[in-house]
Amino acid sequence: MRPRHTLKEELTIRKLVTFYYREMSKHFYTRGERHDFWEFIYIDKGEVEFFTDLGTYHLRQGDILFFMPNLFHGGRALNKTTSNIIILSFECDAACMSVFEGDCRFRLQEDEYRILSFIVQEGLLAFDPPVNSPNISGCPHEKESAVFGGEQLIRNYLEIFLIRLIRRRRAEQSAERQASPVGEKPGNESFTNMIHFMQRNIAQNYTLDQLCDIFAISRTGLKMLFKDHAGIGAMEYFNRLKIDRAKQLIREENGNISAIAENLGYSSVHHFSRQFKRLSDMTPSEYARSILARTKRIGG
């Protein structure tokens, strides 16, 4: 018999406790609770505030917050506005889940959001009532006519989602340690200042020479600084920040494509669309349709 390799499992999810896609009213408020299982809250639309033993969190569309077992937590609406949120709680005793302990909040990246949308899509098909039903309460119930493999896909997608977030958090923690004063790279503070400057002035159109003048650095020095810390050039980094911001505005339905291009300082919508296509492999309109399609599938 030929030898076999047993695949290693870092974490497994066998039991869900709650799984909701909820439209919360402008009067939403919970006094708070604590329980012996994991939970996360994702804000799909609007703004909410959650409070825990560790602090208070103002969450916006795209934010996800984890509650470790036995952590007291509650929430309320902000500014008398409605919101759509995903609430998913589950059992998991894997050691790697320690990454999500304490103050653990993420702003989901595009690929992470895509996996979460797959989880919700399967939840709409696998359970009765579906996860977006106002009648659902407590533990999910199997749907008699559910499509084949739905619950297994939920488990698989959820495990993939958590593994990707764990990898990301560990990479961020590693980068923070490397950037500590003991092992700080030369120019790290300068790089951070430049990034903050770009984020504050994302609607401007700076040339490489203008950035060099602003930060009193040579072209060669600026190129080396970004290559060392980001792996790409300064202008490419700035362009990617603009496109990331454009994606956020599209997701939030904050203006049409022309208005977004103008707000981000592009000379024309054609220039904006070309750059968006180059960096995202789809046009702004295609991206908007993909987001709208996902939202419709999730929201029902």
C-alpha atoms as a PDB file:
ATOM      1  CA  MET A   1       0.000   0.000   0.000  1.00  0.00           C
ATOM      2  CA  ARG A   2       1.332   3.414  -0.920  1.00  0.00           C
ATOM      3  CA  PRO A   3       1.833   5.804   2.016  1.00  0.00           C
ATOM      4  CA  ARG A   4      -0.837   8.396   2.743  1.00  0.00           C
ATOM      5  CA  HIS A   5      -0.505  11.863   4.170  1.00  0.00           C
ATOM      6  CA  THR A   6      -3.071  12.938   6.757  1.00  0.00           C
ATOM      7  CA  LEU A   7      -3.933  16.592   6.216  1.00  0.00           C
ATOM      8  CA  LYS A   8      -3.405  18.759   9.266  1.00  0.00           C
ATOM      9  CA  GLU A   9      -6.369  20.664  10.696  1.00  0.00           C
ATOM     10  CA  GLU A  10      -5.621  23.933  12.462  1.00  0.00           C
ATOM     11  CA  LEU A  11      -9.245  24.604  13.367  1.00  0.00           C
ATOM     12  CA  THR A  12     -12.625  22.984  12.816  1.00  0.00           C
ATOM     13  CA  ILE A  13     -16.148  24.365  13.169  1.00  0.00           C
ATOM     14  CA  ARG A  14     -18.736  21.697  13.952  1.00  0.00           C
ATOM     15  CA  LYS A  15     -21.487  23.647  15.714  1.00  0.00           C
ATOM     16  CA  LEU A  16     -23.194  26.969  15.021  1.00  0.00           C
ATOM     17  CA  VAL A  17     -25.077  28.719  17.798  1.00  0.00           C
ATOM     18  CA  THR A  18     -26.634  31.666  15.944  1.00  0.00           C
ATOM     19  CA  PHE A  19     -26.510  32.906  12.365  1.00  0.00           C
ATOM     20  CA  TYR A  20     -28.456  36.052  11.457  1.00  0.00           C
ATOM     21  CA  TYR A  21     -28.517  38.681   8.758  1.00  0.00           C
ATOM     22  CA  ARG A  22     -30.466  41.428  10.507  1.00  0.00           C
ATOM     23  CA  GLU A  23     -31.843  44.806   9.494  1.00  0.00           C
ATOM     24  CA  MET A  24     -31.589  46.752  12.744  1.00  0.00           C
ATOM     25  CA  SER A  25     -33.916  49.673  13.447  1.00  0.00           C
ATOM     26  CA  LYS A  26     -32.720  53.128  14.408  1.00  0.00           C
ATOM     27  CA  HIS A  27     -33.791  52.241  17.969  1.00  0.00           C
ATOM     28  CA  PHE A  28     -31.592  49.118  18.153  1.00  0.00           C
ATOM     29  CA  TYR A  29     -30.174  48.562  21.641  1.00  0.00           C
ATOM     30  CA  THR A  30     -29.055  45.556  23.678  1.00  0.00           C
ATOM     31  CA  ARG A  31     -28.126  45.653  27.341  1.00  0.00           C
ATOM     32  CA  GLY A  32     -25.397  43.141  26.736  1.00  0.00           C
ATOM     33  CA  GLU A  33     -24.628  39.491  27.385  1.00  0.00           C
ATOM     34  CA  ARG A  34     -21.810  37.045  27.844  1.00  0.00           C
ATOM     35  CA  HIS A  35     -21.671  33.413  26.685  1.00  0.00           C
ATOM     36  CA  ASP A  36     -19.261  30.496  26.382  1.00  0.00           C
ATOM     37  CA  PHE A  37     -18.824  30.516  22.577  1.00  0.00           C
ATOM     38  CA  TRP A  38     -17.271  32.702  19.883  1.00  0.00           C
ATOM     39  CA  GLU A  39     -19.192  35.409  18.070  1.00  0.00           C
ATOM     40  CA  PHE A  40     -18.500  38.008  15.418  1.00  0.00           C
ATOM     41  CA  ILE A  41     -20.476  40.992  14.180  1.00  0.00           C
ATOM     42  CA  TYR A  42     -20.065  42.321  10.631  1.00  0.00           C
ATOM     43  CA  ILE A  43     -21.524  45.679   9.552  1.00  0.00           C
ATOM     44  CA  ASP A  44     -22.928  45.331   6.041  1.00  0.00           C
ATOM     45  CA  LYS A  45     -24.621  48.732   6.002  1.00  0.00           C
ATOM     46  CA  GLY A  46     -24.797  51.754   8.294  1.00  0.00           C
ATOM     47  CA  GLU A  47     -23.058  52.417  11.611  1.00  0.00           C
ATOM     48  CA  VAL A  48     -23.438  50.898  15.074  1.00  0.00           C
ATOM     49  CA  GLU A  49     -21.667  51.068  18.407  1.00  0.00           C
ATOM     50  CA  PHE A  50     -20.684  47.988  20.376  1.00  0.00           C
ATOM     51  CA  PHE A  51     -19.335  47.955  23.901  1.00  0.00           C
ATOM     52  CA  THR A  52     -17.432  45.237  25.750  1.00  0.00           C
ATOM     53  CA  ASP A  53     -15.464  44.812  28.952  1.00  0.00           C
ATOM     54  CA  LEU A  54     -12.473  46.054  26.945  1.00  0.00           C
ATOM     55  CA  GLY A  55     -13.882  49.226  25.404  1.00  0.00           C
ATOM     56  CA  THR A  56     -16.368  50.831  23.027  1.00  0.00           C
ATOM     57  CA  TYR A  57     -16.223  50.442  19.248  1.00  0.00           C
ATOM     58  CA  HIS A  58     -17.738  52.647  16.552  1.00  0.00           C
ATOM     59  CA  LEU A  59     -18.250  50.270  13.629  1.00  0.00           C
ATOM     60  CA  ARG A  60     -18.969  51.230  10.026  1.00  0.00           C
ATOM     61  CA  GLN A  61     -19.769  49.320   6.866  1.00  0.00           C
ATOM     62  CA  GLY A  62     -16.978  46.820   6.228  1.00  0.00           C
ATOM     63  CA  ASP A  63     -15.956  46.414   9.897  1.00  0.00           C
ATOM     64  CA  ILE A  64     -16.017  43.101  11.758  1.00  0.00           C
ATOM     65  CA  LEU A  65     -15.614  42.688  15.521  1.00  0.00           C
ATOM     66  CA  PHE A  66     -14.939  39.424  17.377  1.00  0.00           C
ATOM     67  CA  PHE A  67     -16.166  38.559  20.871  1.00  0.00           C
ATOM     68  CA  MET A  68     -14.210  35.815  22.597  1.00  0.00           C
ATOM     69  CA  PRO A  69     -16.060  33.417  24.944  1.00  0.00           C
ATOM     70  CA  ASN A  70     -17.315  34.997  28.190  1.00  0.00           C
ATOM     71  CA  LEU A  71     -16.573  38.560  27.052  1.00  0.00           C
ATOM     72  CA  PHE A  72     -19.460  40.844  27.996  1.00  0.00           C
ATOM     73  CA  HIS A  73     -20.768  42.766  24.958  1.00  0.00           C
ATOM     74  CA  GLY A  74     -23.743  44.793  23.780  1.00  0.00           C
ATOM     75  CA  GLY A  75     -24.627  47.290  21.091  1.00  0.00           C
ATOM     76  CA  ARG A  76     -26.794  50.185  19.979  1.00  0.00           C
ATOM     77  CA  ALA A  77     -27.695  52.186  16.894  1.00  0.00           C
ATOM     78  CA  LEU A  78     -25.794  55.388  16.126  1.00  0.00           C
ATOM     79  CA  ASN A  79     -27.264  58.741  15.121  1.00  0.00           C
ATOM     80  CA  LYS A  80     -30.764  57.240  14.913  1.00  0.00           C
ATOM     81  CA  THR A  81     -29.884  55.381  11.705  1.00  0.00           C
ATOM     82  CA  THR A  82     -30.767  51.872  10.546  1.00  0.00           C
ATOM     83  CA  SER A  83     -28.109  49.247   9.881  1.00  0.00           C
ATOM     84  CA  ASN A  84     -27.684  45.773   8.410  1.00  0.00           C
ATOM     85  CA  ILE A  85     -25.473  43.409  10.375  1.00  0.00           C
ATOM     86  CA  ILE A  86     -24.354  39.785  10.237  1.00  0.00           C
ATOM     87  CA  ILE A  87     -24.214  37.957  13.566  1.00  0.00           C
ATOM     88  CA  LEU A  88     -22.569  34.551  13.605  1.00  0.00           C
ATOM     89  CA  SER A  89     -21.639  32.575  16.709  1.00  0.00           C
ATOM     90  CA  PHE A  90     -20.032  29.160  16.916  1.00  0.00           C
ATOM     91  CA  GLU A  91     -18.025  26.729  19.020  1.00  0.00           C
ATOM     92  CA  CYS A  92     -14.300  26.338  18.437  1.00  0.00           C
ATOM     93  CA  ASP A  93     -11.584  25.364  20.912  1.00  0.00           C
ATOM     94  CA  ALA A  94      -8.592  25.544  18.538  1.00  0.00           C
ATOM     95  CA  ALA A  95      -5.503  27.178  20.037  1.00  0.00           C
ATOM     96  CA  CYS A  96      -5.092  29.442  16.997  1.00  0.00           C
ATOM     97  CA  MET A  97      -8.352  31.218  17.882  1.00  0.00           C
ATOM     98  CA  SER A  98      -6.351  33.097  20.524  1.00  0.00           C
ATOM     99  CA  VAL A  99      -5.568  35.550  17.718  1.00  0.00           C
ATOM    100  CA  PHE A 100      -9.140  36.838  18.077  1.00  0.00           C
ATOM    101  CA  GLU A 101      -8.969  37.339  21.851  1.00  0.00           C
ATOM    102  CA  GLY A 102      -9.039  40.783  23.393  1.00  0.00           C
ATOM    103  CA  ASP A 103      -9.499  43.876  21.247  1.00  0.00           C
ATOM    104  CA  CYS A 104     -10.004  42.264  17.835  1.00  0.00           C
ATOM    105  CA  ARG A 105     -11.457  44.291  14.992  1.00  0.00           C
ATOM    106  CA  PHE A 106     -10.791  44.075  11.255  1.00  0.00           C
ATOM    107  CA  ARG A 107     -11.802  46.066   8.225  1.00  0.00           C
ATOM    108  CA  LEU A 108     -12.502  43.340   5.702  1.00  0.00           C
ATOM    109  CA  GLN A 109     -10.575  43.253   2.466  1.00  0.00           C
ATOM    110  CA  GLU A 110     -12.296  42.422  -0.788  1.00  0.00           C
ATOM    111  CA  ASP A 111     -11.394  38.723  -0.842  1.00  0.00           C
ATOM    112  CA  GLU A 112     -12.466  38.323   2.804  1.00  0.00           C
ATOM    113  CA  TYR A 113     -15.810  39.988   2.126  1.00  0.00           C
ATOM    114  CA  ARG A 114     -16.337  37.664  -0.821  1.00  0.00           C
ATOM    115  CA  ILE A 115     -15.909  34.594   1.390  1.00  0.00           C
ATOM    116  CA  LEU A 116     -18.293  36.040   3.991  1.00  0.00           C
ATOM    117  CA  SER A 117     -20.882  36.647   1.271  1.00  0.00           C
ATOM    118  CA  PHE A 118     -20.578  32.964   0.267  1.00  0.00           C
ATOM    119  CA  ILE A 119     -21.294  31.960   3.883  1.00  0.00           C
ATOM    120  CA  VAL A 120     -24.453  34.080   3.929  1.00  0.00           C
ATOM    121  CA  GLN A 121     -25.602  32.853   0.511  1.00  0.00           C
ATOM    122  CA  GLU A 122     -25.406  29.257   1.718  1.00  0.00           C
ATOM    123  CA  GLY A 123     -27.197  30.234   4.926  1.00  0.00           C
ATOM    124  CA  LEU A 124     -30.096  31.512   2.851  1.00  0.00           C
ATOM    125  CA  LEU A 125     -30.388  28.089   1.195  1.00  0.00           C
ATOM    126  CA  ALA A 126     -29.551  25.695   4.038  1.00  0.00           C
ATOM    127  CA  PHE A 127     -31.767  26.809   6.926  1.00  0.00           C
ATOM    128  CA  ASP A 128     -35.460  27.291   7.610  1.00  0.00           C
ATOM    129  CA  PRO A 129     -36.211  30.060   8.209  1.00  0.00           C
ATOM    130  CA  PRO A 130     -33.340  31.537   6.151  1.00  0.00           C
ATOM    131  CA  VAL A 131     -30.718  33.577   7.971  1.00  0.00           C
ATOM    132  CA  ASN A 132     -32.185  36.903   6.756  1.00  0.00           C
ATOM    133  CA  SER A 133     -35.696  36.123   8.009  1.00  0.00           C
ATOM    134  CA  PRO A 134     -37.060  38.388  10.800  1.00  0.00           C
ATOM    135  CA  ASN A 135     -38.658  35.229  12.241  1.00  0.00           C
ATOM    136  CA  ILE A 136     -35.418  33.406  12.934  1.00  0.00           C
ATOM    137  CA  SER A 137     -34.323  33.138  16.557  1.00  0.00           C
ATOM    138  CA  GLY A 138     -31.858  30.962  18.364  1.00  0.00           C
ATOM    139  CA  CYS A 139     -30.092  28.047  16.752  1.00  0.00           C
ATOM    140  CA  PRO A 140     -30.397  27.522  12.947  1.00  0.00           C
ATOM    141  CA  HIS A 141     -32.696  24.702  11.783  1.00  0.00           C
ATOM    142  CA  GLU A 142     -32.068  22.471   8.801  1.00  0.00           C
ATOM    143  CA  LYS A 143     -34.254  23.078   5.762  1.00  0.00           C
ATOM    144  CA  GLU A 144     -35.972  19.926   4.480  1.00  0.00           C
ATOM    145  CA  SER A 145     -35.455  20.863   0.815  1.00  0.00           C
ATOM    146  CA  ALA A 146     -31.975  22.316   1.302  1.00  0.00           C
ATOM    147  CA  VAL A 147     -29.541  22.070  -1.587  1.00  0.00           C
ATOM    148  CA  PHE A 148     -26.914  19.356  -1.379  1.00  0.00           C
ATOM    149  CA  GLY A 149     -23.874  20.139   0.784  1.00  0.00           C
ATOM    150  CA  GLY A 150     -25.042  23.563   1.974  1.00  0.00           C
ATOM    151  CA  GLU A 151     -24.165  23.133   5.643  1.00  0.00           C
ATOM    152  CA  GLN A 152     -20.788  21.645   4.767  1.00  0.00           C
ATOM    153  CA  LEU A 153     -20.024  24.627   2.531  1.00  0.00           C
ATOM    154  CA  ILE A 154     -20.948  26.965   5.398  1.00  0.00           C
ATOM    155  CA  ARG A 155     -18.484  25.120   7.629  1.00  0.00           C
ATOM    156  CA  ASN A 156     -15.769  25.093   4.958  1.00  0.00           C
ATOM    157  CA  TYR A 157     -16.190  28.743   4.025  1.00  0.00           C
ATOM    158  CA  LEU A 158     -16.250  29.742   7.701  1.00  0.00           C
ATOM    159  CA  GLU A 159     -13.027  27.840   8.391  1.00  0.00           C
ATOM    160  CA  ILE A 160     -11.380  29.407   5.335  1.00  0.00           C
ATOM    161  CA  PHE A 161     -12.591  32.852   6.439  1.00  0.00           C
ATOM    162  CA  LEU A 162     -11.128  32.443   9.924  1.00  0.00           C
ATOM    163  CA  ILE A 163      -7.831  31.017   8.637  1.00  0.00           C
ATOM    164  CA  ARG A 164      -7.368  33.968   6.274  1.00  0.00           C
ATOM    165  CA  LEU A 165      -8.039  36.436   9.093  1.00  0.00           C
ATOM    166  CA  ILE A 166      -5.624  34.577  11.389  1.00  0.00           C
ATOM    167  CA  ARG A 167      -2.918  34.715   8.723  1.00  0.00           C
ATOM    168  CA  ARG A 168      -3.534  38.421   8.245  1.00  0.00           C
ATOM    169  CA  ARG A 169      -3.468  39.204  11.956  1.00  0.00           C
ATOM    170  CA  ARG A 170      -0.275  37.199  12.481  1.00  0.00           C
ATOM    171  CA  ALA A 171       1.374  39.003   9.553  1.00  0.00           C
ATOM    172  CA  GLU A 172       0.354  42.360  11.030  1.00  0.00           C
ATOM    173  CA  GLN A 173       1.665  41.365  14.459  1.00  0.00           C
ATOM    174  CA  SER A 174       4.947  40.211  12.905  1.00  0.00           C
ATOM    175  CA  ALA A 175       5.296  43.506  11.044  1.00  0.00           C
ATOM    176  CA  GLU A 176       4.643  45.438  14.248  1.00  0.00           C
ATOM    177  CA  ARG A 177       7.353  43.506  16.056  1.00  0.00           C
ATOM    178  CA  GLN A 178       9.810  44.109  13.246  1.00  0.00           C
ATOM    179  CA  ALA A 179       8.988  47.803  13.331  1.00  0.00           C
ATOM    180  CA  SER A 180       9.620  48.092  17.073  1.00  0.00           C
ATOM    181  CA  PRO A 181      12.450  50.437  18.212  1.00  0.00           C
ATOM    182  CA  VAL A 182      14.793  47.499  18.772  1.00  0.00           C
ATOM    183  CA  GLY A 183      14.650  46.368  15.154  1.00  0.00           C
ATOM    184  CA  GLU A 184      13.189  49.371  13.402  1.00  0.00           C
ATOM    185  CA  LYS A 185      14.037  49.756   9.754  1.00  0.00           C
ATOM    186  CA  PRO A 186      15.751  52.973   8.760  1.00  0.00           C
ATOM    187  CA  GLY A 187      13.167  55.433   7.494  1.00  0.00           C
ATOM    188  CA  ASN A 188      10.181  53.639   9.033  1.00  0.00           C
ATOM    189  CA  GLU A 189       8.858  56.839  10.638  1.00  0.00           C
ATOM    190  CA  SER A 190       9.285  58.730   7.369  1.00  0.00           C
ATOM    191  CA  PHE A 191       7.374  56.036   5.501  1.00  0.00           C
ATOM    192  CA  THR A 192       4.531  56.114   8.050  1.00  0.00           C
ATOM    193  CA  ASN A 193       4.323  59.902   7.793  1.00  0.00           C
ATOM    194  CA  MET A 194       4.130  59.689   4.008  1.00  0.00           C
ATOM    195  CA  ILE A 195       1.329  57.128   4.138  1.00  0.00           C
ATOM    196  CA  HIS A 196      -0.671  59.294   6.528  1.00  0.00           C
ATOM    197  CA  PHE A 197      -0.076  62.278   4.241  1.00  0.00           C
ATOM    198  CA  MET A 198      -1.349  60.327   1.207  1.00  0.00           C
ATOM    199  CA  GLN A 199      -4.427  59.172   3.095  1.00  0.00           C
ATOM    200  CA  ARG A 200      -5.250  62.735   4.174  1.00  0.00           C
ATOM    201  CA  ASN A 201      -4.718  64.082   0.658  1.00  0.00           C
ATOM    202  CA  ILE A 202      -6.143  61.242  -1.364  1.00  0.00           C
ATOM    203  CA  ALA A 203      -8.104  63.632  -3.615  1.00  0.00           C
ATOM    204  CA  GLN A 204      -4.914  65.397  -4.752  1.00  0.00           C
ATOM    205  CA  ASN A 205      -2.730  64.572  -7.744  1.00  0.00           C
ATOM    206  CA  TYR A 206       0.908  64.681  -6.715  1.00  0.00           C
ATOM    207  CA  THR A 207       3.833  63.921  -8.947  1.00  0.00           C
ATOM    208  CA  LEU A 208       6.887  62.058  -7.718  1.00  0.00           C
ATOM    209  CA  ASP A 209       8.881  65.298  -7.734  1.00  0.00           C
ATOM    210  CA  GLN A 210       6.219  67.065  -5.651  1.00  0.00           C
ATOM    211  CA  LEU A 211       6.323  64.314  -3.033  1.00  0.00           C
ATOM    212  CA  CYS A 212      10.109  64.592  -2.972  1.00  0.00           C
ATOM    213  CA  ASP A 213       9.842  68.348  -2.367  1.00  0.00           C
ATOM    214  CA  ILE A 214       7.196  67.970   0.348  1.00  0.00           C
ATOM    215  CA  PHE A 215       9.254  65.445   2.305  1.00  0.00           C
ATOM    216  CA  ALA A 216      12.692  66.807   1.385  1.00  0.00           C
ATOM    217  CA  ILE A 217      13.912  63.536  -0.060  1.00  0.00           C
ATOM    218  CA  SER A 218      15.596  62.628  -3.331  1.00  0.00           C
ATOM    219  CA  ARG A 219      13.821  60.630  -6.050  1.00  0.00           C
ATOM    220  CA  THR A 220      16.192  57.732  -5.440  1.00  0.00           C
ATOM    221  CA  GLY A 221      15.631  57.896  -1.689  1.00  0.00           C
ATOM    222  CA  LEU A 222      11.842  57.934  -2.103  1.00  0.00           C
ATOM    223  CA  LYS A 223      11.889  54.981  -4.490  1.00  0.00           C
ATOM    224  CA  MET A 224      14.112  52.962  -2.153  1.00  0.00           C
ATOM    225  CA  LEU A 225      11.965  53.831   0.880  1.00  0.00           C
ATOM    226  CA  PHE A 226       8.754  52.535  -0.716  1.00  0.00           C
ATOM    227  CA  LYS A 227      10.434  49.536  -2.291  1.00  0.00           C
ATOM    228  CA  ASP A 228      11.848  48.578   1.124  1.00  0.00           C
ATOM    229  CA  HIS A 229       8.593  49.028   3.071  1.00  0.00           C
ATOM    230  CA  ALA A 230       5.843  48.391   0.515  1.00  0.00           C
ATOM    231  CA  GLY A 231       7.501  46.494  -2.309  1.00  0.00           C
ATOM    232  CA  ILE A 232       6.161  48.959  -4.886  1.00  0.00           C
ATOM    233  CA  GLY A 233       6.825  52.553  -5.919  1.00  0.00           C
ATOM    234  CA  ALA A 234       5.408  55.629  -4.189  1.00  0.00           C
ATOM    235  CA  MET A 235       3.107  56.598  -7.064  1.00  0.00           C
ATOM    236  CA  GLU A 236       1.833  53.049  -7.453  1.00  0.00           C
ATOM    237  CA  TYR A 237       1.115  52.971  -3.705  1.00  0.00           C
ATOM    238  CA  PHE A 238      -0.771  56.281  -3.942  1.00  0.00           C
ATOM    239  CA  ASN A 239      -2.791  54.998  -6.916  1.00  0.00           C
ATOM    240  CA  ARG A 240      -3.725  51.850  -5.023  1.00  0.00           C
ATOM    241  CA  LEU A 241      -4.906  53.932  -2.061  1.00  0.00           C
ATOM    242  CA  LYS A 242      -7.139  55.877  -4.433  1.00  0.00           C
ATOM    243  CA  ILE A 243      -8.637  52.742  -5.956  1.00  0.00           C
ATOM    244  CA  ASP A 244      -9.188  51.165  -2.515  1.00  0.00           C
ATOM    245  CA  ARG A 245     -11.020  54.333  -1.499  1.00  0.00           C
ATOM    246  CA  ALA A 246     -13.036  54.209  -4.738  1.00  0.00           C
ATOM    247  CA  LYS A 247     -14.105  50.640  -3.946  1.00  0.00           C
ATOM    248  CA  GLN A 248     -15.262  51.714  -0.509  1.00  0.00           C
ATOM    249  CA  LEU A 249     -17.315  54.583  -2.002  1.00  0.00           C
ATOM    250  CA  ILE A 250     -18.863  52.214  -4.558  1.00  0.00           C
ATOM    251  CA  ARG A 251     -19.783  49.712  -1.835  1.00  0.00           C
ATOM    252  CA  GLU A 252     -21.351  52.502   0.203  1.00  0.00           C
ATOM    253  CA  GLU A 253     -23.210  53.778  -2.903  1.00  0.00           C
ATOM    254  CA  ASN A 254     -21.669  57.160  -2.191  1.00  0.00           C
ATOM    255  CA  GLY A 255     -22.116  58.830  -5.590  1.00  0.00           C
ATOM    256  CA  ASN A 256     -21.971  57.624  -9.177  1.00  0.00           C
ATOM    257  CA  ILE A 257     -18.777  56.615 -10.976  1.00  0.00           C
ATOM    258  CA  SER A 258     -18.191  60.098 -12.420  1.00  0.00           C
ATOM    259  CA  ALA A 259     -18.626  61.775  -9.025  1.00  0.00           C
ATOM    260  CA  ILE A 260     -16.281  59.292  -7.341  1.00  0.00           C
ATOM    261  CA  ALA A 261     -13.633  59.874 -10.004  1.00  0.00           C
ATOM    262  CA  GLU A 262     -13.925  63.631  -9.530  1.00  0.00           C
ATOM    263  CA  ASN A 263     -13.807  63.364  -5.728  1.00  0.00           C
ATOM    264  CA  LEU A 264     -10.579  61.374  -5.953  1.00  0.00           C
ATOM    265  CA  GLY A 265      -8.920  63.962  -8.171  1.00  0.00           C
ATOM    266  CA  TYR A 266      -8.972  62.161 -11.520  1.00  0.00           C
ATOM    267  CA  SER A 267      -8.851  64.398 -14.591  1.00  0.00           C
ATOM    268  CA  SER A 268     -11.489  62.295 -16.349  1.00  0.00           C
ATOM    269  CA  VAL A 269     -13.700  59.295 -15.717  1.00  0.00           C
ATOM    270  CA  HIS A 270     -11.856  57.507 -18.537  1.00  0.00           C
ATOM    271  CA  HIS A 271      -8.508  57.872 -16.746  1.00  0.00           C
ATOM    272  CA  PHE A 272     -10.122  56.665 -13.527  1.00  0.00           C
ATOM    273  CA  SER A 273     -11.709  53.654 -15.261  1.00  0.00           C
ATOM    274  CA  ARG A 274      -8.429  52.653 -16.942  1.00  0.00           C
ATOM    275  CA  GLN A 275      -6.541  52.763 -13.654  1.00  0.00           C
ATOM    276  CA  PHE A 276      -9.339  50.929 -11.824  1.00  0.00           C
ATOM    277  CA  LYS A 277      -9.285  48.199 -14.488  1.00  0.00           C
ATOM    278  CA  ARG A 278      -5.497  47.884 -14.305  1.00  0.00           C
ATOM    279  CA  LEU A 279      -5.440  47.483 -10.524  1.00  0.00           C
ATOM    280  CA  SER A 280      -8.678  45.523 -10.029  1.00  0.00           C
ATOM    281  CA  ASP A 281      -9.023  43.518 -13.228  1.00  0.00           C
ATOM    282  CA  MET A 282     -12.532  44.920 -13.685  1.00  0.00           C
ATOM    283  CA  THR A 283     -14.059  48.293 -14.508  1.00  0.00           C
ATOM    284  CA  PRO A 284     -15.780  50.437 -11.844  1.00  0.00           C
ATOM    285  CA  SER A 285     -19.163  49.552 -13.374  1.00  0.00           C
ATOM    286  CA  GLU A 286     -18.366  45.844 -13.292  1.00  0.00           C
ATOM    287  CA  TYR A 287     -17.252  46.169  -9.665  1.00  0.00           C
ATOM    288  CA  ALA A 288     -20.444  48.051  -8.758  1.00  0.00           C
ATOM    289  CA  ARG A 289     -22.588  45.341 -10.395  1.00  0.00           C
ATOM    290  CA  SER A 290     -20.719  42.608  -8.521  1.00  0.00           C
ATOM    291  CA  ILE A 291     -21.279  44.372  -5.191  1.00  0.00           C
ATOM    292  CA  LEU A 292     -24.943  45.018  -5.985  1.00  0.00           C
ATOM    293  CA  ALA A 293     -25.445  41.375  -6.941  1.00  0.00           C
ATOM    294  CA  ARG A 294     -23.886  40.192  -3.680  1.00  0.00           C
ATOM    295  CA  THR A 295     -25.971  42.629  -1.642  1.00  0.00           C
ATOM    296  CA  LYS A 296     -29.157  41.432  -3.309  1.00  0.00           C
ATOM    297  CA  ARG A 297     -28.240  37.795  -2.705  1.00  0.00           C
ATOM    298  CA  ILE A 298     -27.484  38.514   0.956  1.00  0.00           C
ATOM    299  CA  GLY A 299     -30.329  40.894   1.720  1.00  0.00           C
ATOM    300  CA  GLY A 300     -32.938  38.825  -0.101  1.00  0.00           C
END
